[in-house]
C-alpha atoms as a PDB file:
ATOM      1  CA  UNK A   1      -3.979 -13.280  26.973  1.00  0.00           C
ATOM      2  CA  UNK A   2      -5.019 -14.185  23.503  1.00  0.00           C
ATOM      3  CA  UNK A   3      -2.488 -13.522  20.816  1.00  0.00           C
ATOM      4  CA  UNK A   4      -3.991 -11.014  18.258  1.00  0.00           C
ATOM      5  CA  UNK A   5      -1.396 -11.936  15.598  1.00  0.00           C
ATOM      6  CA  UNK A   6      -2.234 -15.576  15.990  1.00  0.00           C
ATOM      7  CA  UNK A   7      -5.744 -14.990  15.481  1.00  0.00           C
ATOM      8  CA  UNK A   8      -5.159 -12.991  12.433  1.00  0.00           C
ATOM      9  CA  UNK A   9      -2.898 -15.786  10.893  1.00  0.00           C
ATOM     10  CA  UNK A  10      -5.676 -18.369  11.743  1.00  0.00           C
ATOM     11  CA  UNK A  11      -8.222 -16.191  10.272  1.00  0.00           C
ATOM     12  CA  UNK A  12      -6.294 -15.437   7.156  1.00  0.00           C
ATOM     13  CA  UNK A  13      -5.778 -18.927   6.370  1.00  0.00           C
ATOM     14  CA  UNK A  14      -9.313 -19.963   6.985  1.00  0.00           C
ATOM     15  CA  UNK A  15     -10.525 -17.032   4.979  1.00  0.00           C
ATOM     16  CA  UNK A  16      -8.400 -18.098   2.121  1.00  0.00           C
ATOM     17  CA  UNK A  17      -9.317 -21.813   2.404  1.00  0.00           C
ATOM     18  CA  UNK A  18     -13.010 -20.736   2.162  1.00  0.00           C
ATOM     19  CA  UNK A  19     -12.629 -18.625  -0.751  1.00  0.00           C
ATOM     20  CA  UNK A  20     -14.479 -19.941  -4.028  1.00  0.00           C
ATOM     21  CA  UNK A  21     -12.257 -20.713  -6.817  1.00  0.00           C
ATOM     22  CA  UNK A  22      -8.509 -19.897  -6.715  1.00  0.00           C
ATOM     23  CA  UNK A  23      -6.988 -17.477  -4.219  1.00  0.00           C
ATOM     24  CA  UNK A  24      -4.940 -14.867  -5.593  1.00  0.00           C
ATOM     25  CA  UNK A  25      -1.318 -14.850  -4.957  1.00  0.00           C
ATOM     26  CA  UNK A  26      -1.730 -11.786  -2.978  1.00  0.00           C
ATOM     27  CA  UNK A  27      -4.207 -13.558  -0.656  1.00  0.00           C
ATOM     28  CA  UNK A  28      -1.570 -16.598  -0.221  1.00  0.00           C
ATOM     29  CA  UNK A  29       1.215 -14.080   0.569  1.00  0.00           C
ATOM     30  CA  UNK A  30      -0.950 -12.087   3.082  1.00  0.00           C
ATOM     31  CA  UNK A  31      -1.775 -15.681   4.882  1.00  0.00           C
ATOM     32  CA  UNK A  32       1.777 -16.469   5.022  1.00  0.00           C
ATOM     33  CA  UNK A  33       2.968 -13.234   6.014  1.00  0.00           C
ATOM     34  CA  UNK A  34       0.393 -13.225   8.993  1.00  0.00           C
ATOM     35  CA  UNK A  35       1.618 -16.685  10.006  1.00  0.00           C
ATOM     36  CA  UNK A  36       5.263 -15.553  10.129  1.00  0.00           C
ATOM     37  CA  UNK A  37       4.451 -12.246  12.158  1.00  0.00           C
ATOM     38  CA  UNK A  38       2.548 -14.508  14.775  1.00  0.00           C
ATOM     39  CA  UNK A  39       5.537 -16.668  15.253  1.00  0.00           C
ATOM     40  CA  UNK A  40       7.322 -13.884  17.063  1.00  0.00           C
ATOM     41  CA  UNK A  41       4.847 -13.687  19.817  1.00  0.00           C
ATOM     42  CA  UNK A  42       3.290 -17.248  19.939  1.00  0.00           C
ATOM     43  CA  UNK A  43       3.347 -19.609  22.808  1.00  0.00           C
ATOM     44  CA  UNK A  44       4.662 -22.997  22.277  1.00  0.00           C
ATOM     45  CA  UNK A  45       1.070 -24.311  21.579  1.00  0.00           C
ATOM     46  CA  UNK A  46       0.413 -21.556  19.374  1.00  0.00           C
ATOM     47  CA  UNK A  47       3.672 -22.299  17.322  1.00  0.00           C
ATOM     48  CA  UNK A  48       2.540 -25.868  17.000  1.00  0.00           C
ATOM     49  CA  UNK A  49      -0.895 -24.439  15.544  1.00  0.00           C
ATOM     50  CA  UNK A  50       0.800 -22.249  13.236  1.00  0.00           C
ATOM     51  CA  UNK A  51       2.876 -25.033  11.870  1.00  0.00           C
ATOM     52  CA  UNK A  52      -0.360 -26.886  11.250  1.00  0.00           C
ATOM     53  CA  UNK A  53      -1.769 -23.534   9.578  1.00  0.00           C
ATOM     54  CA  UNK A  54       1.473 -23.388   7.295  1.00  0.00           C
ATOM     55  CA  UNK A  55       0.750 -27.062   6.162  1.00  0.00           C
ATOM     56  CA  UNK A  56      -2.775 -26.489   5.491  1.00  0.00           C
ATOM     57  CA  UNK A  57      -1.701 -23.351   3.415  1.00  0.00           C
ATOM     58  CA  UNK A  58       0.859 -25.309   1.339  1.00  0.00           C
ATOM     59  CA  UNK A  59      -1.535 -28.295   0.751  1.00  0.00           C
ATOM     60  CA  UNK A  60      -4.239 -25.855  -0.418  1.00  0.00           C
ATOM     61  CA  UNK A  61      -1.673 -24.032  -2.759  1.00  0.00           C
ATOM     62  CA  UNK A  62      -0.578 -27.324  -4.192  1.00  0.00           C
ATOM     63  CA  UNK A  63      -4.163 -28.164  -4.990  1.00  0.00           C
ATOM     64  CA  UNK A  64      -4.628 -25.044  -7.236  1.00  0.00           C
END
């Protein structure tokens, strides 16, 4: 069964990374919240991917 929260987290980070210009603080927080929510029901493999998404998010935020 595919984890819907995981999909939402992945989509939130992907959408934020693809935004032209600077993402708003609200967009950044929404992506982080989606990742945190997904951790609760994530499989070990999904948790690893969520960690990678968090790293991407942090790197993206530092570049802005």
